PDB file of N, CA and C in Angstrom:
ATOM      1  N   MET A   1       0.836  -1.198   0.000  1.00  0.00           N
ATOM      2  CA  MET A   1       0.000   0.000   0.000  1.00  0.00           C
ATOM      3  C   MET A   1       0.869   1.246   0.000  1.00  0.00           C
ATOM      4  N   LEU A   2       0.686   2.073  -1.006  1.00  0.00           N
ATOM      5  CA  LEU A   2       1.471   3.300  -1.082  1.00  0.00           C
ATOM      6  C   LEU A   2       0.902   4.364  -0.160  1.00  0.00           C
ATOM      7  N   PRO A   3       1.773   5.165   0.429  1.00  0.00           N
ATOM      8  CA  PRO A   3       1.292   6.284   1.234  1.00  0.00           C
ATOM      9  C   PRO A   3       0.502   7.273   0.381  1.00  0.00           C
ATOM     10  N   ILE A   4      -0.494   7.884   0.991  1.00  0.00           N
ATOM     11  CA  ILE A   4      -1.331   8.852   0.277  1.00  0.00           C
ATOM     12  C   ILE A   4      -0.486  10.023  -0.225  1.00  0.00           C
ATOM     13  N   ALA A   5       0.547  10.371   0.522  1.00  0.00           N
ATOM     14  CA  ALA A   5       1.414  11.489   0.131  1.00  0.00           C
ATOM     15  C   ALA A   5       2.047  11.250  -1.239  1.00  0.00           C
ATOM     16  N   ILE A   6       2.273   9.984  -1.582  1.00  0.00           N
ATOM     17  CA  ILE A   6       2.831   9.652  -2.900  1.00  0.00           C
ATOM     18  C   ILE A   6       1.717   9.596  -3.940  1.00  0.00           C
ATOM     19  N   LEU A   7       0.576   9.040  -3.546  1.00  0.00           N
ATOM     20  CA  LEU A   7      -0.534   8.866  -4.485  1.00  0.00           C
ATOM     21  C   LEU A   7      -1.136  10.188  -4.954  1.00  0.00           C
ATOM     22  N   LEU A   8      -1.297  11.132  -4.042  1.00  0.00           N
ATOM     23  CA  LEU A   8      -1.961  12.386  -4.399  1.00  0.00           C
ATOM     24  C   LEU A   8      -1.259  13.154  -5.514  1.00  0.00           C
ATOM     25  N   PRO A   9       0.059  13.381  -5.418  1.00  0.00           N
ATOM     26  CA  PRO A   9       0.734  14.082  -6.524  1.00  0.00           C
ATOM     27  C   PRO A   9       0.630  13.315  -7.835  1.00  0.00           C
ATOM     28  N   THR A  10       0.632  11.978  -7.746  1.00  0.00           N
ATOM     29  CA  THR A  10       0.507  11.162  -8.951  1.00  0.00           C
ATOM     30  C   THR A  10      -0.841  11.400  -9.606  1.00  0.00           C
ATOM     31  N   TRP A  11      -1.907  11.371  -8.800  1.00  0.00           N
ATOM     32  CA  TRP A  11      -3.250  11.627  -9.325  1.00  0.00           C
ATOM     33  C   TRP A  11      -3.341  13.009  -9.933  1.00  0.00           C
ATOM     34  N   LYS A  12      -2.728  13.993  -9.233  1.00  0.00           N
ATOM     35  CA  LYS A  12      -2.748  15.371  -9.725  1.00  0.00           C
ATOM     36  C   LYS A  12      -2.076  15.447 -11.092  1.00  0.00           C
ATOM     37  N   MET A  13      -0.965  14.749 -11.234  1.00  0.00           N
ATOM     38  CA  MET A  13      -0.229  14.737 -12.492  1.00  0.00           C
ATOM     39  C   MET A  13      -1.058  14.076 -13.590  1.00  0.00           C
ATOM     40  N   VAL A  14      -1.698  12.957 -13.247  1.00  0.00           N
ATOM     41  CA  VAL A  14      -2.541  12.247 -14.213  1.00  0.00           C
ATOM     42  C   VAL A  14      -3.683  13.143 -14.684  1.00  0.00           C
ATOM     43  N   ILE A  15      -4.340  13.808 -13.746  1.00  0.00           N
ATOM     44  CA  ILE A  15      -5.467  14.681 -14.087  1.00  0.00           C
ATOM     45  C   ILE A  15      -4.995  15.853 -14.947  1.00  0.00           C
ATOM     46  N   GLU A  16      -3.849  16.433 -14.601  1.00  0.00           N
ATOM     47  CA  GLU A  16      -3.315  17.549 -15.389  1.00  0.00           C
ATOM     48  C   GLU A  16      -2.957  17.099 -16.802  1.00  0.00           C
ATOM     49  N   THR A  17      -2.504  15.860 -16.932  1.00  0.00           N
ATOM     50  CA  THR A  17      -2.155  15.326 -18.249  1.00  0.00           C
ATOM     51  C   THR A  17      -3.401  15.026 -19.064  1.00  0.00           C
ATOM     52  N   LEU A  18      -4.391  14.408 -18.426  1.00  0.00           N
ATOM     53  CA  LEU A  18      -5.598  13.987 -19.136  1.00  0.00           C
ATOM     54  C   LEU A  18      -6.577  15.127 -19.380  1.00  0.00           C
ATOM     55  N   GLY A  19      -6.556  16.140 -18.532  1.00  0.00           N
ATOM     56  CA  GLY A  19      -7.492  17.251 -18.654  1.00  0.00           C
ATOM     57  C   GLY A  19      -7.575  17.832 -20.054  1.00  0.00           C
ATOM     58  N   PRO A  20      -6.449  18.303 -20.610  1.00  0.00           N
ATOM     59  CA  PRO A  20      -6.471  18.876 -21.963  1.00  0.00           C
ATOM     60  C   PRO A  20      -6.923  17.868 -23.016  1.00  0.00           C
ATOM     61  N   VAL A  21      -6.546  16.605 -22.850  1.00  0.00           N
ATOM     62  CA  VAL A  21      -6.953  15.567 -23.800  1.00  0.00           C
ATOM     63  C   VAL A  21      -8.470  15.411 -23.776  1.00  0.00           C
ATOM     64  N   LEU A  22      -9.038  15.379 -22.573  1.00  0.00           N
ATOM     65  CA  LEU A  22     -10.488  15.257 -22.438  1.00  0.00           C
ATOM     66  C   LEU A  22     -11.189  16.470 -23.025  1.00  0.00           C
ATOM     67  N   ASP A  23     -10.607  17.660 -22.819  1.00  0.00           N
ATOM     68  CA  ASP A  23     -11.183  18.879 -23.398  1.00  0.00           C
ATOM     69  C   ASP A  23     -11.237  18.783 -24.914  1.00  0.00           C
ATOM     70  N   ILE A  24     -10.138  18.314 -25.518  1.00  0.00           N
ATOM     71  CA  ILE A  24     -10.064  18.192 -26.980  1.00  0.00           C
ATOM     72  C   ILE A  24     -11.087  17.165 -27.469  1.00  0.00           C
ATOM     73  N   LEU A  25     -11.172  16.028 -26.785  1.00  0.00           N
ATOM     74  CA  LEU A  25     -12.147  15.000 -27.162  1.00  0.00           C
ATOM     75  C   LEU A  25     -13.567  15.535 -27.058  1.00  0.00           C
ATOM     76  N   TYR A  26     -13.847  16.280 -26.002  1.00  0.00           N
ATOM     77  CA  TYR A  26     -15.184  16.835 -25.802  1.00  0.00           C
ATOM     78  C   TYR A  26     -15.525  17.821 -26.908  1.00  0.00           C
ATOM     79  N   GLU A  27     -14.567  18.686 -27.248  1.00  0.00           N
ATOM     80  CA  GLU A  27     -14.773  19.655 -28.329  1.00  0.00           C
ATOM     81  C   GLU A  27     -15.031  18.937 -29.649  1.00  0.00           C
ATOM     82  N   SER A  28     -14.257  17.903 -29.926  1.00  0.00           N
ATOM     83  CA  SER A  28     -14.414  17.140 -31.165  1.00  0.00           C
ATOM     84  C   SER A  28     -15.790  16.492 -31.215  1.00  0.00           C
ATOM     85  N   LEU A  29     -16.188  15.880 -30.110  1.00  0.00           N
ATOM     86  CA  LEU A  29     -17.486  15.228 -30.032  1.00  0.00           C
ATOM     87  C   LEU A  29     -18.602  16.247 -30.236  1.00  0.00           C
ATOM     88  N   HIS A  30     -18.455  17.404 -29.630  1.00  0.00           N
ATOM     89  CA  HIS A  30     -19.442  18.473 -29.754  1.00  0.00           C
ATOM     90  C   HIS A  30     -19.581  18.897 -31.219  1.00  0.00           C
ATOM     91  N   ASP A  31     -18.438  19.056 -31.897  1.00  0.00           N
ATOM     92  CA  ASP A  31     -18.448  19.440 -33.314  1.00  0.00           C
ATOM     93  C   ASP A  31     -19.131  18.366 -34.160  1.00  0.00           C
ATOM     94  N   VAL A  32     -18.820  17.103 -33.887  1.00  0.00           N
ATOM     95  CA  VAL A  32     -19.419  15.994 -34.636  1.00  0.00           C
ATOM     96  C   VAL A  32     -20.933  15.971 -34.435  1.00  0.00           C
ATOM     97  N   LEU A  33     -21.373  16.169 -33.193  1.00  0.00           N
ATOM     98  CA  LEU A  33     -22.806  16.169 -32.908  1.00  0.00           C
ATOM     99  C   LEU A  33     -23.512  17.311 -33.630  1.00  0.00           C
ATOM    100  N   GLN A  34     -22.891  18.489 -33.653  1.00  0.00           N
ATOM    101  CA  GLN A  34     -23.478  19.625 -34.367  1.00  0.00           C
ATOM    102  C   GLN A  34     -23.543  19.324 -35.861  1.00  0.00           C
ATOM    103  N   PHE A  35     -22.488  18.732 -36.387  1.00  0.00           N
ATOM    104  CA  PHE A  35     -22.411  18.370 -37.800  1.00  0.00           C
ATOM    105  C   PHE A  35     -23.531  17.391 -38.150  1.00  0.00           C
ATOM    106  N   CYS A  36     -23.722  16.376 -37.281  1.00  0.00           N
ATOM    107  CA  CYS A  36     -24.780  15.385 -37.502  1.00  0.00           C
ATOM    108  C   CYS A  36     -26.158  16.032 -37.409  1.00  0.00           C
ATOM    109  N   ALA A  37     -26.328  16.934 -36.471  1.00  0.00           N
ATOM    110  CA  ALA A  37     -27.627  17.572 -36.251  1.00  0.00           C
ATOM    111  C   ALA A  37     -28.084  18.330 -37.497  1.00  0.00           C
ATOM    112  N   ILE A  38     -27.135  18.878 -38.246  1.00  0.00           N
ATOM    113  CA  ILE A  38     -27.466  19.622 -39.465  1.00  0.00           C
ATOM    114  C   ILE A  38     -28.065  18.682 -40.505  1.00  0.00           C
ATOM    115  N   TYR A  39     -27.563  17.452 -40.572  1.00  0.00           N
ATOM    116  CA  TYR A  39     -27.973  16.517 -41.622  1.00  0.00           C
ATOM    117  C   TYR A  39     -29.113  15.594 -41.209  1.00  0.00           C
ATOM    118  N   ILE A  40     -29.545  15.692 -39.938  1.00  0.00           N
ATOM    119  CA  ILE A  40     -30.656  14.837 -39.487  1.00  0.00           C
ATOM    120  C   ILE A  40     -31.967  15.572 -39.742  1.00  0.00           C
TER     121      ILE A  40
END
């Protein structure tokens, strides 16, 4: 079992890394949905 003091910075780093990726994916999905909505 790892100490929480080690785990917390790791989680923070993971979230900081994934945050922008998730933002880009969300934006892309939003654009695709708008694109589809025009043709439905």
